[in-house]
């Protein structure tokens, strides 16, 4: 156990931190637990991607004032091992990895937060493992249906200037995702729907620097707009009604996970809640940091009661 100075997206804190590596199927993954001396039920955070390490979610460290907050980099990205065996890049193995991480840290009672792809991982874990001790679930900017996700991106593309739309469609049509013109068009899209902050915060840039591109491309595809990976036909919509714990959905007004889709998912889980952050995008936890931490913090405290 060590006490160190951390800087997260411009905010400096001095939490009590424990970090290390956990052996999982296929290699070892890095984890960090912050606020381990706090009395609240721990929050376990699942990052997006697949392959986008936890760094961009470090603003959630603020929640460690009440409870332990646990991050880990999924296999294939960040500080974790990066094996080249594509047989490891399956939903089932990532679910098993989550089981192994939770067991290794002895997290008996937790709140679970999944952001983007992490929301699909969280729901798959709940549905396939039926785990005990889960007090609540937060699904931020949720990716729960590939077909709906792709449709949302096509809608946002249709709102871009025509020349940007034409560029995206041209290079996607010929499969040239490395073309400078295509990359420039993607950056225009990202500035509207991935993160509206200018410049992007250092923690988000760090995630892109440590991205597990092999995992992302194998499971999702070459871009946010073109889905060719193993998640191509994934859709959890018909199973969401099986979730019986408290659920909070969050998204930004201009999120890649459009508010219309988030409301659709919310209506499939009786009693669930949804919160839309005005003027924000996929990174609403960064763009509206204080508001996001307040909303999520209140939801967590409301559901800290001991399970029966």
Protein backbone atom coordinates (compact mmCIF):
# COMPACT_ATOMS: atom_id res chain seq x y z
CA UNK A 1 0.00 0.00 0.00
CA UNK A 2 1.42 3.38 -0.98
CA UNK A 3 0.37 6.99 -0.85
CA UNK A 4 1.32 8.89 -4.00
CA UNK A 5 0.54 12.16 -5.73
CA UNK A 6 -1.68 11.73 -8.79
CA UNK A 7 -2.65 14.28 -11.40
CA UNK A 8 -5.80 13.52 -13.36
CA UNK A 9 -6.81 15.79 -16.22
CA UNK A 10 -5.52 18.81 -14.33
CA UNK A 11 -6.85 17.84 -10.91
CA UNK A 12 -4.38 16.82 -8.21
CA UNK A 13 -5.25 14.48 -5.35
CA UNK A 14 -3.38 12.42 -2.76
CA UNK A 15 -5.34 9.15 -2.40
CA UNK A 16 -4.21 5.89 -0.90
CA UNK A 17 -3.35 3.67 -3.84
CA UNK A 18 -2.64 0.00 -4.38
CA UNK A 19 -1.60 -1.28 -7.79
CA UNK A 20 -0.10 -4.34 -9.36
CA UNK A 21 -0.69 -7.17 -11.81
CA UNK A 22 -3.18 -10.03 -11.87
CA UNK A 23 -2.71 -13.28 -13.78
CA UNK A 24 -5.65 -13.94 -16.08
CA UNK A 25 -6.29 -16.24 -19.00
CA UNK A 26 -3.76 -15.24 -21.67
CA UNK A 27 -1.39 -13.11 -19.60
CA UNK A 28 -1.38 -10.54 -16.82
CA UNK A 29 -3.41 -7.37 -16.44
CA UNK A 30 -2.53 -4.22 -14.53
CA UNK A 31 -4.91 -2.80 -11.91
CA UNK A 32 -5.09 0.19 -9.60
CA UNK A 33 -7.27 0.61 -6.51
CA UNK A 34 -7.69 4.14 -5.15
CA UNK A 35 -9.14 5.12 -1.78
CA UNK A 36 -8.76 1.67 -0.29
CA UNK A 37 -9.21 3.11 3.19
CA UNK A 38 -12.68 4.52 2.40
CA UNK A 39 -15.79 2.83 3.84
CA UNK A 40 -18.15 2.86 0.83
CA UNK A 41 -18.92 -0.10 -1.42
CA UNK A 42 -16.11 -0.27 -4.06
CA UNK A 43 -16.71 0.88 -7.62
CA UNK A 44 -15.19 -1.35 -10.32
CA UNK A 45 -14.66 0.52 -13.61
CA UNK A 46 -14.63 -1.16 -17.05
CA UNK A 47 -13.05 0.87 -19.84
CA UNK A 48 -14.11 1.03 -23.47
CA UNK A 49 -12.62 0.09 -26.79
CA UNK A 50 -12.19 -2.82 -26.89
CA UNK A 51 -8.58 -1.85 -26.32
CA UNK A 52 -8.94 1.70 -24.92
CA UNK A 53 -7.06 1.63 -21.57
CA UNK A 54 -8.41 3.18 -18.40
CA UNK A 55 -6.48 6.50 -18.48
CA UNK A 56 -9.33 8.59 -19.93
CA UNK A 57 -11.53 7.53 -17.01
CA UNK A 58 -9.16 8.80 -14.31
CA UNK A 59 -11.52 11.68 -13.52
CA UNK A 60 -13.61 9.06 -11.70
CA UNK A 61 -10.88 9.03 -9.05
CA UNK A 62 -12.89 11.86 -7.47
CA UNK A 63 -15.39 9.22 -6.35
CA UNK A 64 -12.67 7.67 -4.16
CA UNK A 65 -13.48 10.28 -1.51
CA UNK A 66 -16.32 7.95 -0.48
CA UNK A 67 -15.23 4.48 -1.60
CA UNK A 68 -12.47 2.45 -3.23
CA UNK A 69 -12.41 2.93 -7.00
CA UNK A 70 -10.81 0.14 -9.03
CA UNK A 71 -9.48 0.44 -12.58
CA UNK A 72 -7.77 -2.18 -14.70
CA UNK A 73 -6.43 -2.30 -18.25
CA UNK A 74 -8.00 -5.21 -20.10
CA UNK A 75 -5.62 -7.65 -21.74
CA UNK A 76 -4.15 -6.29 -24.95
CA UNK A 77 -3.85 -2.61 -24.04
CA UNK A 78 -2.39 -0.06 -21.64
CA UNK A 79 -0.03 -1.46 -19.02
CA UNK A 80 -1.34 -5.00 -19.40
CA UNK A 81 0.22 -7.76 -21.51
CA UNK A 82 -0.34 -7.64 -25.26
CA UNK A 83 -0.38 -11.20 -26.57
CA UNK A 84 -0.78 -11.74 -30.33
CA UNK A 85 -3.18 -14.70 -30.11
CA UNK A 86 -6.50 -13.60 -31.59
CA UNK A 87 -8.21 -16.57 -29.93
CA UNK A 88 -8.04 -14.46 -26.75
CA UNK A 89 -10.15 -11.65 -28.19
CA UNK A 90 -13.60 -12.99 -27.37
CA UNK A 91 -16.41 -11.66 -25.21
CA UNK A 92 -16.37 -14.84 -23.13
CA UNK A 93 -12.66 -14.46 -22.33
CA UNK A 94 -13.08 -10.80 -21.35
CA UNK A 95 -15.97 -11.82 -19.09
CA UNK A 96 -13.77 -14.50 -17.51
CA UNK A 97 -11.01 -11.90 -17.11
CA UNK A 98 -13.44 -9.72 -15.15
CA UNK A 99 -14.26 -12.68 -12.90
CA UNK A 100 -10.54 -13.30 -12.32
CA UNK A 101 -9.83 -9.64 -11.53
CA UNK A 102 -12.69 -9.43 -9.06
CA UNK A 103 -11.64 -12.66 -7.34
CA UNK A 104 -7.97 -11.64 -7.14
CA UNK A 105 -8.78 -8.34 -5.41
CA UNK A 106 -11.46 -10.00 -3.26
CA UNK A 107 -14.21 -7.60 -4.30
CA UNK A 108 -17.21 -9.27 -2.68
CA UNK A 109 -19.60 -6.30 -2.86
CA UNK A 110 -19.26 -3.78 -5.67
CA UNK A 111 -20.89 -1.22 -7.87
CA UNK A 112 -20.07 -1.81 -11.55
CA UNK A 113 -19.49 0.96 -14.11
CA UNK A 114 -18.98 0.25 -17.80
CA UNK A 115 -18.15 2.97 -20.32
CA UNK A 116 -18.81 2.39 -24.04
CA UNK A 117 -17.61 -1.20 -24.80
CA UNK A 118 -17.24 -1.59 -21.03
CA UNK A 119 -21.03 -1.40 -20.78
CA UNK A 120 -21.39 -4.43 -23.05
CA UNK A 121 -18.78 -6.27 -20.99
CA UNK A 122 -20.61 -5.42 -17.77
CA UNK A 123 -23.98 -6.61 -19.09
CA UNK A 124 -22.48 -9.81 -20.55
CA UNK A 125 -20.92 -10.48 -17.13
CA UNK A 126 -24.24 -10.01 -15.34
CA UNK A 127 -26.22 -12.12 -17.78
CA UNK A 128 -23.71 -14.95 -18.21
CA UNK A 129 -22.31 -15.25 -14.68
CA UNK A 130 -25.24 -14.09 -12.54
CA UNK A 131 -22.75 -12.77 -9.97
CA UNK A 132 -23.67 -11.96 -6.39
CA UNK A 133 -22.80 -8.78 -4.53
CA UNK A 134 -23.51 -6.30 -7.35
CA UNK A 135 -25.25 -3.31 -5.76
CA UNK A 136 -25.79 -1.25 -8.91
CA UNK A 137 -24.79 -0.80 -12.53
CA UNK A 138 -23.80 2.42 -14.32
CA UNK A 139 -23.77 2.25 -18.13
CA UNK A 140 -22.03 5.35 -19.54
CA UNK A 141 -22.21 6.10 -23.28
CA UNK A 142 -23.36 2.49 -23.68
CA UNK A 143 -22.47 0.20 -26.56
CA UNK A 144 -25.06 -2.58 -26.26
CA UNK A 145 -26.11 -3.21 -29.85
CA UNK A 146 -23.71 -3.05 -32.79
CA UNK A 147 -26.44 -2.42 -35.36
CA UNK A 148 -27.84 0.46 -33.32
CA UNK A 149 -24.32 1.83 -32.72
CA UNK A 150 -23.54 1.83 -36.43
CA UNK A 151 -26.89 3.48 -37.20
CA UNK A 152 -26.13 6.20 -34.64
CA UNK A 153 -22.77 6.94 -36.29
CA UNK A 154 -24.40 7.09 -39.71
CA UNK A 155 -26.89 9.61 -38.34
CA UNK A 156 -24.11 11.79 -36.98
CA UNK A 157 -22.20 11.53 -40.26
CA UNK A 158 -25.32 12.77 -42.07
CA UNK A 159 -25.14 15.93 -39.95
CA UNK A 160 -21.58 16.76 -41.05
CA UNK A 161 -20.77 19.11 -43.96
CA UNK A 162 -21.32 17.39 -47.30
CA UNK A 163 -17.65 17.46 -48.25
CA UNK A 164 -16.76 15.66 -45.00
CA UNK A 165 -19.51 13.11 -45.61
CA UNK A 166 -18.23 12.53 -49.14
CA UNK A 167 -14.67 12.03 -47.89
CA UNK A 168 -15.74 9.47 -45.29
CA UNK A 169 -17.84 7.52 -47.79
CA UNK A 170 -15.17 7.65 -50.49
CA UNK A 171 -12.38 6.18 -48.40
CA UNK A 172 -14.61 3.73 -46.58
CA UNK A 173 -15.80 2.53 -49.97
CA UNK A 174 -12.25 1.71 -51.10
CA UNK A 175 -11.12 0.55 -47.67
CA UNK A 176 -8.33 3.14 -47.33
CA UNK A 177 -8.60 4.02 -43.66
CA UNK A 178 -5.06 5.43 -43.46
CA UNK A 179 -5.58 8.14 -46.09
CA UNK A 180 -4.77 11.60 -44.67
CA UNK A 181 -8.06 13.01 -45.96
CA UNK A 182 -9.99 10.24 -44.21
CA UNK A 183 -8.06 10.77 -40.98
CA UNK A 184 -8.85 14.50 -41.15
CA UNK A 185 -12.55 13.73 -41.64
CA UNK A 186 -12.46 11.35 -38.68
CA UNK A 187 -10.92 14.10 -36.54
CA UNK A 188 -13.82 16.40 -37.44
CA UNK A 189 -16.24 13.69 -36.34
CA UNK A 190 -14.26 13.02 -33.15
CA UNK A 191 -14.28 16.72 -32.21
CA UNK A 192 -18.08 16.71 -32.33
CA UNK A 193 -18.95 13.29 -30.93
CA UNK A 194 -15.98 11.69 -29.12
CA UNK A 195 -14.69 14.69 -27.13
CA UNK A 196 -15.69 18.32 -27.61
CA UNK A 197 -12.91 19.70 -25.41
CA UNK A 198 -10.18 21.71 -27.17
CA UNK A 199 -7.48 20.71 -26.61
CA UNK A 200 -8.25 17.16 -25.56
CA UNK A 201 -7.28 16.44 -21.94
CA UNK A 202 -3.97 14.70 -21.34
CA UNK A 203 -5.61 11.61 -19.88
CA UNK A 204 -7.60 11.03 -23.10
CA UNK A 205 -4.52 11.51 -25.26
CA UNK A 206 -2.73 8.97 -23.08
CA UNK A 207 -5.46 6.42 -23.79
CA UNK A 208 -5.04 6.88 -27.54
CA UNK A 209 -1.26 6.56 -27.19
CA UNK A 210 -1.62 3.24 -25.33
CA UNK A 211 -4.53 1.93 -27.39
CA UNK A 212 -4.65 -1.78 -28.15
CA UNK A 213 -5.30 -1.35 -31.87
CA UNK A 214 -5.09 -5.07 -32.61
CA UNK A 215 -7.90 -5.84 -30.17
CA UNK A 216 -10.02 -2.95 -31.41
CA UNK A 217 -9.66 -3.84 -35.08
CA UNK A 218 -10.21 -7.56 -34.52
CA UNK A 219 -13.33 -7.17 -32.36
CA UNK A 220 -14.82 -3.93 -33.71
CA UNK A 221 -13.26 -2.86 -37.00
CA UNK A 222 -11.07 -0.28 -38.73
CA UNK A 223 -13.07 2.76 -37.61
CA UNK A 224 -16.05 3.90 -35.54
CA UNK A 225 -18.07 3.91 -38.75
CA UNK A 226 -17.23 0.51 -40.21
CA UNK A 227 -17.98 -2.61 -38.19
CA UNK A 228 -16.21 -5.70 -39.52
CA UNK A 229 -15.02 -7.42 -36.33
CA UNK A 230 -16.31 -10.24 -34.19
CA UNK A 231 -18.81 -7.95 -32.44
CA UNK A 232 -20.56 -7.29 -35.75
CA UNK A 233 -23.80 -9.07 -34.83
CA UNK A 234 -23.77 -8.46 -31.07
CA UNK A 235 -27.06 -7.12 -29.67
CA UNK A 236 -28.02 -7.38 -26.00
CA UNK A 237 -31.33 -5.53 -26.32
CA UNK A 238 -33.57 -8.58 -25.92
CA UNK A 239 -31.82 -9.62 -22.68
CA UNK A 240 -31.70 -6.29 -20.85
CA UNK A 241 -35.02 -6.96 -19.10
CA UNK A 242 -33.26 -9.73 -17.15
CA UNK A 243 -31.21 -7.18 -15.19
CA UNK A 244 -32.82 -6.74 -11.77
CA UNK A 245 -30.37 -4.45 -9.98
CA UNK A 246 -30.53 -0.61 -10.01
CA UNK A 247 -29.22 0.79 -13.32
CA UNK A 248 -28.19 4.30 -14.33
CA UNK A 249 -27.61 5.17 -17.99
CA UNK A 250 -25.63 8.29 -18.91
CA UNK A 251 -24.84 9.90 -22.24
CA UNK A 252 -24.05 13.23 -23.81
CA UNK A 253 -26.39 15.21 -26.02
CA UNK A 254 -24.02 14.60 -28.97
CA UNK A 255 -22.75 11.21 -27.81
CA UNK A 256 -21.82 8.44 -30.23
CA UNK A 257 -24.38 6.59 -28.11
CA UNK A 258 -27.24 8.90 -29.08
CA UNK A 259 -29.76 9.85 -26.38
CA UNK A 260 -32.49 8.20 -28.47
CA UNK A 261 -30.66 4.87 -28.24
CA UNK A 262 -29.94 5.28 -24.54
CA UNK A 263 -33.62 5.95 -23.85
CA UNK A 264 -34.48 2.84 -25.88
CA UNK A 265 -32.16 0.73 -23.72
CA UNK A 266 -33.44 2.34 -20.52
CA UNK A 267 -37.03 1.44 -21.33
CA UNK A 268 -36.00 -2.22 -21.58
CA UNK A 269 -34.90 -2.29 -17.91
CA UNK A 270 -37.85 -1.56 -15.60
CA UNK A 271 -37.03 1.02 -12.95
CA UNK A 272 -33.74 2.10 -14.55
CA UNK A 273 -32.71 5.75 -14.74
CA UNK A 274 -31.13 7.89 -17.46
CA UNK A 275 -29.29 11.20 -17.43
CA UNK A 276 -28.34 13.19 -20.53
CA UNK A 277 -25.53 15.76 -20.25
CA UNK A 278 -26.40 18.81 -22.32
CA UNK A 279 -23.84 19.95 -24.87
CA UNK A 280 -21.59 16.94 -24.20
CA UNK A 281 -20.39 13.96 -26.23
CA UNK A 282 -19.04 10.45 -25.68
CA UNK A 283 -16.57 11.90 -23.16
CA UNK A 284 -19.26 13.57 -21.05
CA UNK A 285 -17.52 12.32 -17.91
CA UNK A 286 -14.66 14.69 -18.84
CA UNK A 287 -16.59 17.52 -20.46
CA UNK A 288 -19.06 17.74 -17.55
CA UNK A 289 -16.75 16.31 -14.91
CA UNK A 290 -18.24 17.93 -11.82
CA UNK A 291 -21.82 17.25 -12.90
CA UNK A 292 -21.01 13.66 -13.88
CA UNK A 293 -19.28 12.85 -10.60
CA UNK A 294 -22.17 14.39 -8.67
CA UNK A 295 -24.81 12.39 -10.57
CA UNK A 296 -22.91 9.10 -10.34
CA UNK A 297 -21.86 9.73 -6.73
CA UNK A 298 -25.46 10.30 -5.67
CA UNK A 299 -26.58 7.15 -7.47
CA UNK A 300 -23.87 5.10 -5.77
CA UNK A 301 -24.66 6.41 -2.28
CA UNK A 302 -28.36 5.71 -2.85
CA UNK A 303 -27.52 2.07 -3.61
CA UNK A 304 -24.87 1.43 -0.96
CA UNK A 305 -27.33 -0.50 1.23
CA UNK A 306 -26.30 -4.04 2.13
CA UNK A 307 -27.84 -6.59 -0.20
CA UNK A 308 -30.23 -9.15 1.23
